[in-house]
Amino acid sequence: MQDEPRENSPAPQRLDKWLYHARIVRTRADAAALVKAGHVRVNGARSTAPSHPVRLDDVLTIALDSRVRVVRVTGFAARRGDSHAARGLFTETIQPSPRA
């Protein structure tokens, strides 16, 4: 018997798509390249598959050019919206800091 999804739990979204919708990167191709390069961790485990599923309350650690961001997934979007809508998709768990 399969586990049935929780009623209020939305379906997971691809990691590259979520990074793009949350405006962490400018393009979806950039999101896929960031993941393939091993610069993204999902709940502490390095992910190199852009198709890795992201679920509510997952913690993403993202190493960008100038800083490391740690965010908690709080929502999903069907398409990329403005920056205000993107801010509703995550909460910053720690303040961004410059990379050493």
PDB file of N, CA and C in Angstrom:
ATOM      1  N   MET A   1       0.846  -1.184   0.000  1.00  0.00           N
ATOM      2  CA  MET A   1       0.000   0.000   0.000  1.00  0.00           C
ATOM      3  C   MET A   1       0.885   1.238   0.000  1.00  0.00           C
ATOM      4  N   GLN A   2       0.597   2.188  -0.863  1.00  0.00           N
ATOM      5  CA  GLN A   2       1.401   3.397  -0.949  1.00  0.00           C
ATOM      6  C   GLN A   2       0.984   4.389   0.116  1.00  0.00           C
ATOM      7  N   ASP A   3       1.975   5.207   0.543  1.00  0.00           N
ATOM      8  CA  ASP A   3       1.654   6.293   1.457  1.00  0.00           C
ATOM      9  C   ASP A   3       0.876   7.348   0.696  1.00  0.00           C
ATOM     10  N   GLU A   4      -0.209   7.790   1.272  1.00  0.00           N
ATOM     11  CA  GLU A   4      -0.984   8.836   0.627  1.00  0.00           C
ATOM     12  C   GLU A   4      -0.452  10.187   1.057  1.00  0.00           C
ATOM     13  N   PRO A   5      -0.399  11.164   0.126  1.00  0.00           N
ATOM     14  CA  PRO A   5       0.097  12.480   0.501  1.00  0.00           C
ATOM     15  C   PRO A   5      -0.825  13.143   1.505  1.00  0.00           C
ATOM     16  N   ARG A   6      -0.232  13.974   2.351  1.00  0.00           N
ATOM     17  CA  ARG A   6      -1.035  14.723   3.306  1.00  0.00           C
ATOM     18  C   ARG A   6      -1.936  15.686   2.548  1.00  0.00           C
ATOM     19  N   GLU A   7      -3.117  15.930   3.081  1.00  0.00           N
ATOM     20  CA  GLU A   7      -4.101  16.748   2.388  1.00  0.00           C
ATOM     21  C   GLU A   7      -3.583  18.147   2.055  1.00  0.00           C
ATOM     22  N   ASN A   8      -2.947  18.809   2.998  1.00  0.00           N
ATOM     23  CA  ASN A   8      -2.526  20.187   2.809  1.00  0.00           C
ATOM     24  C   ASN A   8      -1.098  20.304   2.291  1.00  0.00           C
ATOM     25  N   SER A   9      -0.465  19.207   1.989  1.00  0.00           N
ATOM     26  CA  SER A   9       0.914  19.228   1.532  1.00  0.00           C
ATOM     27  C   SER A   9       0.955  19.277   0.005  1.00  0.00           C
ATOM     28  N   PRO A  10       1.473  20.387  -0.553  1.00  0.00           N
ATOM     29  CA  PRO A  10       1.540  20.449  -2.013  1.00  0.00           C
ATOM     30  C   PRO A  10       2.576  19.471  -2.556  1.00  0.00           C
ATOM     31  N   ALA A  11       2.440  19.155  -3.819  1.00  0.00           N
ATOM     32  CA  ALA A  11       3.394  18.259  -4.465  1.00  0.00           C
ATOM     33  C   ALA A  11       4.769  18.907  -4.483  1.00  0.00           C
ATOM     34  N   PRO A  12       5.831  18.108  -4.401  1.00  0.00           N
ATOM     35  CA  PRO A  12       7.176  18.696  -4.442  1.00  0.00           C
ATOM     36  C   PRO A  12       7.447  19.343  -5.799  1.00  0.00           C
ATOM     37  N   GLN A  13       8.431  20.226  -5.818  1.00  0.00           N
ATOM     38  CA  GLN A  13       8.806  20.932  -7.045  1.00  0.00           C
ATOM     39  C   GLN A  13      10.285  20.669  -7.315  1.00  0.00           C
ATOM     40  N   ARG A  14      10.663  20.690  -8.587  1.00  0.00           N
ATOM     41  CA  ARG A  14      12.073  20.500  -8.956  1.00  0.00           C
ATOM     42  C   ARG A  14      12.933  21.580  -8.304  1.00  0.00           C
ATOM     43  N   LEU A  15      14.127  21.195  -7.893  1.00  0.00           N
ATOM     44  CA  LEU A  15      15.043  22.113  -7.239  1.00  0.00           C
ATOM     45  C   LEU A  15      15.398  23.299  -8.135  1.00  0.00           C
ATOM     46  N   ASP A  16      15.749  23.038  -9.403  1.00  0.00           N
ATOM     47  CA  ASP A  16      16.120  24.144 -10.287  1.00  0.00           C
ATOM     48  C   ASP A  16      14.955  25.095 -10.528  1.00  0.00           C
ATOM     49  N   LYS A  17      13.764  24.551 -10.637  1.00  0.00           N
ATOM     50  CA  LYS A  17      12.576  25.375 -10.858  1.00  0.00           C
ATOM     51  C   LYS A  17      12.282  26.233  -9.628  1.00  0.00           C
ATOM     52  N   TRP A  18      12.422  25.654  -8.436  1.00  0.00           N
ATOM     53  CA  TRP A  18      12.172  26.404  -7.211  1.00  0.00           C
ATOM     54  C   TRP A  18      13.189  27.537  -7.054  1.00  0.00           C
ATOM     55  N   LEU A  19      14.473  27.264  -7.317  1.00  0.00           N
ATOM     56  CA  LEU A  19      15.497  28.308  -7.215  1.00  0.00           C
ATOM     57  C   LEU A  19      15.197  29.467  -8.163  1.00  0.00           C
ATOM     58  N   TYR A  20      14.717  29.154  -9.347  1.00  0.00           N
ATOM     59  CA  TYR A  20      14.362  30.175 -10.332  1.00  0.00           C
ATOM     60  C   TYR A  20      13.135  30.970  -9.880  1.00  0.00           C
ATOM     61  N   HIS A  21      12.083  30.286  -9.430  1.00  0.00           N
ATOM     62  CA  HIS A  21      10.869  30.968  -8.982  1.00  0.00           C
ATOM     63  C   HIS A  21      11.108  31.817  -7.749  1.00  0.00           C
ATOM     64  N   ALA A  22      12.021  31.401  -6.883  1.00  0.00           N
ATOM     65  CA  ALA A  22      12.322  32.152  -5.666  1.00  0.00           C
ATOM     66  C   ALA A  22      13.302  33.292  -5.925  1.00  0.00           C
ATOM     67  N   ARG A  23      13.716  33.450  -7.183  1.00  0.00           N
ATOM     68  CA  ARG A  23      14.634  34.518  -7.594  1.00  0.00           C
ATOM     69  C   ARG A  23      15.985  34.452  -6.880  1.00  0.00           C
ATOM     70  N   ILE A  24      16.449  33.236  -6.613  1.00  0.00           N
ATOM     71  CA  ILE A  24      17.797  33.044  -6.072  1.00  0.00           C
ATOM     72  C   ILE A  24      18.795  33.238  -7.204  1.00  0.00           C
ATOM     73  N   VAL A  25      18.408  32.838  -8.419  1.00  0.00           N
ATOM     74  CA  VAL A  25      19.228  32.998  -9.628  1.00  0.00           C
ATOM     75  C   VAL A  25      18.377  33.668 -10.708  1.00  0.00           C
ATOM     76  N   ARG A  26      19.036  34.158 -11.757  1.00  0.00           N
ATOM     77  CA  ARG A  26      18.325  34.906 -12.799  1.00  0.00           C
ATOM     78  C   ARG A  26      17.623  34.032 -13.827  1.00  0.00           C
ATOM     79  N   THR A  27      18.205  32.868 -14.146  1.00  0.00           N
ATOM     80  CA  THR A  27      17.590  32.003 -15.150  1.00  0.00           C
ATOM     81  C   THR A  27      17.512  30.575 -14.628  1.00  0.00           C
ATOM     82  N   ARG A  28      16.644  29.798 -15.243  1.00  0.00           N
ATOM     83  CA  ARG A  28      16.528  28.400 -14.836  1.00  0.00           C
ATOM     84  C   ARG A  28      17.788  27.628 -15.228  1.00  0.00           C
ATOM     85  N   ALA A  29      18.415  28.020 -16.332  1.00  0.00           N
ATOM     86  CA  ALA A  29      19.673  27.381 -16.739  1.00  0.00           C
ATOM     87  C   ALA A  29      20.758  27.646 -15.688  1.00  0.00           C
ATOM     88  N   ASP A  30      20.781  28.855 -15.137  1.00  0.00           N
ATOM     89  CA  ASP A  30      21.736  29.164 -14.061  1.00  0.00           C
ATOM     90  C   ASP A  30      21.451  28.311 -12.831  1.00  0.00           C
ATOM     91  N   ALA A  31      20.171  28.091 -12.540  1.00  0.00           N
ATOM     92  CA  ALA A  31      19.791  27.262 -11.393  1.00  0.00           C
ATOM     93  C   ALA A  31      20.277  25.832 -11.594  1.00  0.00           C
ATOM     94  N   ALA A  32      20.075  25.290 -12.785  1.00  0.00           N
ATOM     95  CA  ALA A  32      20.523  23.927 -13.072  1.00  0.00           C
ATOM     96  C   ALA A  32      22.043  23.818 -12.984  1.00  0.00           C
ATOM     97  N   ALA A  33      22.754  24.822 -13.506  1.00  0.00           N
ATOM     98  CA  ALA A  33      24.220  24.809 -13.454  1.00  0.00           C
ATOM     99  C   ALA A  33      24.718  24.895 -12.017  1.00  0.00           C
ATOM    100  N   LEU A  34      24.064  25.698 -11.188  1.00  0.00           N
ATOM    101  CA  LEU A  34      24.443  25.835  -9.780  1.00  0.00           C
ATOM    102  C   LEU A  34      24.302  24.500  -9.055  1.00  0.00           C
ATOM    103  N   VAL A  35      23.209  23.802  -9.326  1.00  0.00           N
ATOM    104  CA  VAL A  35      22.962  22.503  -8.689  1.00  0.00           C
ATOM    105  C   VAL A  35      23.959  21.464  -9.207  1.00  0.00           C
ATOM    106  N   LYS A  36      24.146  21.404 -10.529  1.00  0.00           N
ATOM    107  CA  LYS A  36      25.073  20.420 -11.112  1.00  0.00           C
ATOM    108  C   LYS A  36      26.495  20.606 -10.608  1.00  0.00           C
ATOM    109  N   ALA A  37      26.877  21.848 -10.319  1.00  0.00           N
ATOM    110  CA  ALA A  37      28.222  22.135  -9.818  1.00  0.00           C
ATOM    111  C   ALA A  37      28.379  21.748  -8.347  1.00  0.00           C
ATOM    112  N   GLY A  38      27.278  21.342  -7.702  1.00  0.00           N
ATOM    113  CA  GLY A  38      27.355  20.903  -6.305  1.00  0.00           C
ATOM    114  C   GLY A  38      27.310  22.031  -5.299  1.00  0.00           C
ATOM    115  N   HIS A  39      26.768  23.187  -5.677  1.00  0.00           N
ATOM    116  CA  HIS A  39      26.718  24.347  -4.792  1.00  0.00           C
ATOM    117  C   HIS A  39      25.432  24.453  -3.983  1.00  0.00           C
ATOM    118  N   VAL A  40      24.582  23.414  -4.038  1.00  0.00           N
ATOM    119  CA  VAL A  40      23.318  23.440  -3.305  1.00  0.00           C
ATOM    120  C   VAL A  40      23.206  22.191  -2.446  1.00  0.00           C
ATOM    121  N   ARG A  41      22.816  22.385  -1.197  1.00  0.00           N
ATOM    122  CA  ARG A  41      22.549  21.268  -0.289  1.00  0.00           C
ATOM    123  C   ARG A  41      21.083  21.323   0.112  1.00  0.00           C
ATOM    124  N   VAL A  42      20.459  20.163   0.162  1.00  0.00           N
ATOM    125  CA  VAL A  42      19.070  20.039   0.596  1.00  0.00           C
ATOM    126  C   VAL A  42      19.080  19.268   1.898  1.00  0.00           C
ATOM    127  N   ASN A  43      18.673  19.919   2.964  1.00  0.00           N
ATOM    128  CA  ASN A  43      18.687  19.321   4.300  1.00  0.00           C
ATOM    129  C   ASN A  43      20.067  18.759   4.648  1.00  0.00           C
ATOM    130  N   GLY A  44      21.113  19.477   4.271  1.00  0.00           N
ATOM    131  CA  GLY A  44      22.478  19.099   4.607  1.00  0.00           C
ATOM    132  C   GLY A  44      23.154  18.154   3.636  1.00  0.00           C
ATOM    133  N   ALA A  45      22.417  17.582   2.696  1.00  0.00           N
ATOM    134  CA  ALA A  45      22.995  16.640   1.735  1.00  0.00           C
ATOM    135  C   ALA A  45      23.192  17.339   0.390  1.00  0.00           C
ATOM    136  N   ARG A  46      24.406  17.248  -0.153  1.00  0.00           N
ATOM    137  CA  ARG A  46      24.702  17.876  -1.446  1.00  0.00           C
ATOM    138  C   ARG A  46      23.842  17.246  -2.529  1.00  0.00           C
ATOM    139  N   SER A  47      23.281  18.089  -3.377  1.00  0.00           N
ATOM    140  CA  SER A  47      22.472  17.620  -4.488  1.00  0.00           C
ATOM    141  C   SER A  47      23.116  18.063  -5.792  1.00  0.00           C
ATOM    142  N   THR A  48      23.245  17.138  -6.736  1.00  0.00           N
ATOM    143  CA  THR A  48      23.797  17.484  -8.044  1.00  0.00           C
ATOM    144  C   THR A  48      22.770  17.219  -9.149  1.00  0.00           C
ATOM    145  N   ALA A  49      21.537  16.948  -8.762  1.00  0.00           N
ATOM    146  CA  ALA A  49      20.470  16.689  -9.734  1.00  0.00           C
ATOM    147  C   ALA A  49      19.483  17.849  -9.726  1.00  0.00           C
ATOM    148  N   PRO A  50      19.402  18.601 -10.822  1.00  0.00           N
ATOM    149  CA  PRO A  50      18.435  19.706 -10.877  1.00  0.00           C
ATOM    150  C   PRO A  50      16.993  19.253 -10.655  1.00  0.00           C
ATOM    151  N   SER A  51      16.707  17.990 -10.905  1.00  0.00           N
ATOM    152  CA  SER A  51      15.346  17.471 -10.744  1.00  0.00           C
ATOM    153  C   SER A  51      15.057  17.007  -9.316  1.00  0.00           C
ATOM    154  N   HIS A  52      16.005  17.176  -8.399  1.00  0.00           N
ATOM    155  CA  HIS A  52      15.799  16.758  -7.013  1.00  0.00           C
ATOM    156  C   HIS A  52      14.533  17.423  -6.469  1.00  0.00           C
ATOM    157  N   PRO A  53      13.625  16.668  -5.838  1.00  0.00           N
ATOM    158  CA  PRO A  53      12.392  17.272  -5.338  1.00  0.00           C
ATOM    159  C   PRO A  53      12.627  18.121  -4.091  1.00  0.00           C
ATOM    160  N   VAL A  54      11.981  19.272  -4.060  1.00  0.00           N
ATOM    161  CA  VAL A  54      12.021  20.167  -2.903  1.00  0.00           C
ATOM    162  C   VAL A  54      10.635  20.147  -2.284  1.00  0.00           C
ATOM    163  N   ARG A  55      10.594  19.988  -0.959  1.00  0.00           N
ATOM    164  CA  ARG A  55       9.321  19.926  -0.246  1.00  0.00           C
ATOM    165  C   ARG A  55       9.239  21.064   0.762  1.00  0.00           C
ATOM    166  N   LEU A  56       8.038  21.316   1.265  1.00  0.00           N
ATOM    167  CA  LEU A  56       7.869  22.330   2.301  1.00  0.00           C
ATOM    168  C   LEU A  56       8.760  22.012   3.493  1.00  0.00           C
ATOM    169  N   ASP A  57       9.316  23.035   4.094  1.00  0.00           N
ATOM    170  CA  ASP A  57      10.187  22.964   5.274  1.00  0.00           C
ATOM    171  C   ASP A  57      11.567  22.383   4.997  1.00  0.00           C
ATOM    172  N   ASP A  58      11.921  22.108   3.744  1.00  0.00           N
ATOM    173  CA  ASP A  58      13.296  21.720   3.433  1.00  0.00           C
ATOM    174  C   ASP A  58      14.204  22.922   3.672  1.00  0.00           C
ATOM    175  N   VAL A  59      15.424  22.654   4.122  1.00  0.00           N
ATOM    176  CA  VAL A  59      16.410  23.713   4.320  1.00  0.00           C
ATOM    177  C   VAL A  59      17.435  23.606   3.202  1.00  0.00           C
ATOM    178  N   LEU A  60      17.597  24.694   2.449  1.00  0.00           N
ATOM    179  CA  LEU A  60      18.545  24.734   1.340  1.00  0.00           C
ATOM    180  C   LEU A  60      19.732  25.606   1.721  1.00  0.00           C
ATOM    181  N   THR A  61      20.928  25.087   1.504  1.00  0.00           N
ATOM    182  CA  THR A  61      22.156  25.849   1.688  1.00  0.00           C
ATOM    183  C   THR A  61      22.719  26.085   0.295  1.00  0.00           C
ATOM    184  N   ILE A  62      22.815  27.360  -0.080  1.00  0.00           N
ATOM    185  CA  ILE A  62      23.166  27.725  -1.445  1.00  0.00           C
ATOM    186  C   ILE A  62      24.432  28.563  -1.430  1.00  0.00           C
ATOM    187  N   ALA A  63      25.486  28.066  -2.079  1.00  0.00           N
ATOM    188  CA  ALA A  63      26.756  28.796  -2.168  1.00  0.00           C
ATOM    189  C   ALA A  63      26.741  29.602  -3.463  1.00  0.00           C
ATOM    190  N   LEU A  64      26.604  30.900  -3.325  1.00  0.00           N
ATOM    191  CA  LEU A  64      26.613  31.801  -4.472  1.00  0.00           C
ATOM    192  C   LEU A  64      28.004  32.405  -4.619  1.00  0.00           C
ATOM    193  N   ASP A  65      28.196  33.267  -5.617  1.00  0.00           N
ATOM    194  CA  ASP A  65      29.508  33.856  -5.866  1.00  0.00           C
ATOM    195  C   ASP A  65      30.082  34.585  -4.652  1.00  0.00           C
ATOM    196  N   SER A  66      29.268  35.399  -4.013  1.00  0.00           N
ATOM    197  CA  SER A  66      29.796  36.255  -2.960  1.00  0.00           C
ATOM    198  C   SER A  66      29.348  35.881  -1.556  1.00  0.00           C
ATOM    199  N   ARG A  67      28.453  34.910  -1.422  1.00  0.00           N
ATOM    200  CA  ARG A  67      27.939  34.576  -0.087  1.00  0.00           C
ATOM    201  C   ARG A  67      27.292  33.198  -0.072  1.00  0.00           C
ATOM    202  N   VAL A  68      26.968  32.762   1.130  1.00  0.00           N
ATOM    203  CA  VAL A  68      26.249  31.513   1.326  1.00  0.00           C
ATOM    204  C   VAL A  68      24.900  31.869   1.941  1.00  0.00           C
ATOM    205  N   ARG A  69      23.834  31.349   1.343  1.00  0.00           N
ATOM    206  CA  ARG A  69      22.490  31.605   1.864  1.00  0.00           C
ATOM    207  C   ARG A  69      21.901  30.309   2.379  1.00  0.00           C
ATOM    208  N   VAL A  70      21.240  30.392   3.523  1.00  0.00           N
ATOM    209  CA  VAL A  70      20.535  29.247   4.093  1.00  0.00           C
ATOM    210  C   VAL A  70      19.077  29.659   4.211  1.00  0.00           C
ATOM    211  N   VAL A  71      18.209  28.954   3.475  1.00  0.00           N
ATOM    212  CA  VAL A  71      16.794  29.308   3.442  1.00  0.00           C
ATOM    213  C   VAL A  71      15.935  28.085   3.730  1.00  0.00           C
ATOM    214  N   ARG A  72      14.751  28.340   4.281  1.00  0.00           N
ATOM    215  CA  ARG A  72      13.765  27.283   4.534  1.00  0.00           C
ATOM    216  C   ARG A  72      12.621  27.493   3.550  1.00  0.00           C
ATOM    217  N   VAL A  73      12.246  26.436   2.843  1.00  0.00           N
ATOM    218  CA  VAL A  73      11.174  26.493   1.847  1.00  0.00           C
ATOM    219  C   VAL A  73       9.834  26.623   2.568  1.00  0.00           C
ATOM    220  N   THR A  74       9.088  27.687   2.236  1.00  0.00           N
ATOM    221  CA  THR A  74       7.774  27.900   2.858  1.00  0.00           C
ATOM    222  C   THR A  74       6.638  27.884   1.849  1.00  0.00           C
ATOM    223  N   GLY A  75       6.963  27.783   0.552  1.00  0.00           N
ATOM    224  CA  GLY A  75       5.907  27.766  -0.447  1.00  0.00           C
ATOM    225  C   GLY A  75       6.438  27.473  -1.833  1.00  0.00           C
ATOM    226  N   PHE A  76       5.499  27.348  -2.760  1.00  0.00           N
ATOM    227  CA  PHE A  76       5.818  27.072  -4.158  1.00  0.00           C
ATOM    228  C   PHE A  76       5.043  28.033  -5.040  1.00  0.00           C
ATOM    229  N   ALA A  77       5.507  28.212  -6.266  1.00  0.00           N
ATOM    230  CA  ALA A  77       4.820  29.058  -7.235  1.00  0.00           C
ATOM    231  C   ALA A  77       4.687  28.296  -8.542  1.00  0.00           C
ATOM    232  N   ALA A  78       3.592  28.521  -9.239  1.00  0.00           N
ATOM    233  CA  ALA A  78       3.379  27.872 -10.529  1.00  0.00           C
ATOM    234  C   ALA A  78       4.233  28.529 -11.607  1.00  0.00           C
ATOM    235  N   ARG A  79       4.529  29.834 -11.416  1.00  0.00           N
ATOM    236  CA  ARG A  79       5.389  30.544 -12.357  1.00  0.00           C
ATOM    237  C   ARG A  79       6.146  31.635 -11.620  1.00  0.00           C
ATOM    238  N   ARG A  80       7.152  32.177 -12.260  1.00  0.00           N
ATOM    239  CA  ARG A  80       7.993  33.182 -11.627  1.00  0.00           C
ATOM    240  C   ARG A  80       7.242  34.506 -11.555  1.00  0.00           C
ATOM    241  N   GLY A  81       7.180  35.057 -10.356  1.00  0.00           N
ATOM    242  CA  GLY A  81       6.492  36.327 -10.159  1.00  0.00           C
ATOM    243  C   GLY A  81       7.480  37.431  -9.825  1.00  0.00           C
ATOM    244  N   ASP A  82       6.965  38.505  -9.257  1.00  0.00           N
ATOM    245  CA  ASP A  82       7.832  39.615  -8.878  1.00  0.00           C
ATOM    246  C   ASP A  82       8.592  39.274  -7.595  1.00  0.00           C
ATOM    247  N   SER A  83       9.465  40.178  -7.182  1.00  0.00           N
ATOM    248  CA  SER A  83      10.321  39.899  -6.021  1.00  0.00           C
ATOM    249  C   SER A  83       9.511  39.760  -4.740  1.00  0.00           C
ATOM    250  N   HIS A  84       8.404  40.489  -4.631  1.00  0.00           N
ATOM    251  CA  HIS A  84       7.568  40.380  -3.437  1.00  0.00           C
ATOM    252  C   HIS A  84       6.966  38.979  -3.321  1.00  0.00           C
ATOM    253  N   ALA A  85       6.487  38.448  -4.436  1.00  0.00           N
ATOM    254  CA  ALA A  85       5.929  37.092  -4.442  1.00  0.00           C
ATOM    255  C   ALA A  85       7.016  36.062  -4.144  1.00  0.00           C
ATOM    256  N   ALA A  86       8.208  36.287  -4.664  1.00  0.00           N
ATOM    257  CA  ALA A  86       9.320  35.357  -4.446  1.00  0.00           C
ATOM    258  C   ALA A  86       9.705  35.291  -2.970  1.00  0.00           C
ATOM    259  N   ARG A  87       9.648  36.416  -2.262  1.00  0.00           N
ATOM    260  CA  ARG A  87       9.998  36.429  -0.837  1.00  0.00           C
ATOM    261  C   ARG A  87       9.061  35.562  -0.012  1.00  0.00           C
ATOM    262  N   GLY A  88       7.865  35.321  -0.510  1.00  0.00           N
ATOM    263  CA  GLY A  88       6.917  34.476   0.201  1.00  0.00           C
ATOM    264  C   GLY A  88       7.193  32.990   0.058  1.00  0.00           C
ATOM    265  N   LEU A  89       8.172  32.620  -0.769  1.00  0.00           N
ATOM    266  CA  LEU A  89       8.476  31.214  -0.984  1.00  0.00           C
ATOM    267  C   LEU A  89       9.499  30.658   0.000  1.00  0.00           C
ATOM    268  N   PHE A  90      10.168  31.544   0.752  1.00  0.00           N
ATOM    269  CA  PHE A  90      11.201  31.081   1.681  1.00  0.00           C
ATOM    270  C   PHE A  90      11.398  32.069   2.812  1.00  0.00           C
ATOM    271  N   THR A  91      12.046  31.577   3.868  1.00  0.00           N
ATOM    272  CA  THR A  91      12.504  32.451   4.946  1.00  0.00           C
ATOM    273  C   THR A  91      14.000  32.236   5.086  1.00  0.00           C
ATOM    274  N   GLU A  92      14.704  33.308   5.322  1.00  0.00           N
ATOM    275  CA  GLU A  92      16.159  33.260   5.508  1.00  0.00           C
ATOM    276  C   GLU A  92      16.396  32.764   6.930  1.00  0.00           C
ATOM    277  N   THR A  93      17.123  31.657   7.085  1.00  0.00           N
ATOM    278  CA  THR A  93      17.321  31.099   8.423  1.00  0.00           C
ATOM    279  C   THR A  93      18.477  31.762   9.148  1.00  0.00           C
ATOM    280  N   ILE A  94      19.474  32.236   8.418  1.00  0.00           N
ATOM    281  CA  ILE A  94      20.562  33.011   9.004  1.00  0.00           C
ATOM    282  C   ILE A  94      20.827  34.193   8.091  1.00  0.00           C
ATOM    283  N   GLN A  95      21.413  35.221   8.639  1.00  0.00           N
ATOM    284  CA  GLN A  95      21.728  36.383   7.810  1.00  0.00           C
ATOM    285  C   GLN A  95      22.820  36.018   6.810  1.00  0.00           C
ATOM    286  N   PRO A  96      22.688  36.477   5.572  1.00  0.00           N
ATOM    287  CA  PRO A  96      23.722  36.183   4.578  1.00  0.00           C
ATOM    288  C   PRO A  96      25.069  36.758   5.006  1.00  0.00           C
ATOM    289  N   SER A  97      26.101  35.984   4.772  1.00  0.00           N
ATOM    290  CA  SER A  97      27.436  36.446   5.121  1.00  0.00           C
ATOM    291  C   SER A  97      28.354  36.307   3.928  1.00  0.00           C
ATOM    292  N   PRO A  98      29.343  37.196   3.816  1.00  0.00           N
ATOM    293  CA  PRO A  98      30.283  37.078   2.693  1.00  0.00           C
ATOM    294  C   PRO A  98      31.110  35.810   2.823  1.00  0.00           C
ATOM    295  N   ARG A  99      31.459  35.220   1.684  1.00  0.00           N
ATOM    296  CA  ARG A  99      32.326  34.041   1.690  1.00  0.00           C
ATOM    297  C   ARG A  99      33.749  34.480   1.971  1.00  0.00           C
ATOM    298  N   ALA A 100      34.462  33.676   2.707  1.00  0.00           N
ATOM    299  CA  ALA A 100      35.859  33.996   3.022  1.00  0.00           C
ATOM    300  C   ALA A 100      36.775  33.517   1.942  1.00  0.00           C
TER     301      ALA A 100
END
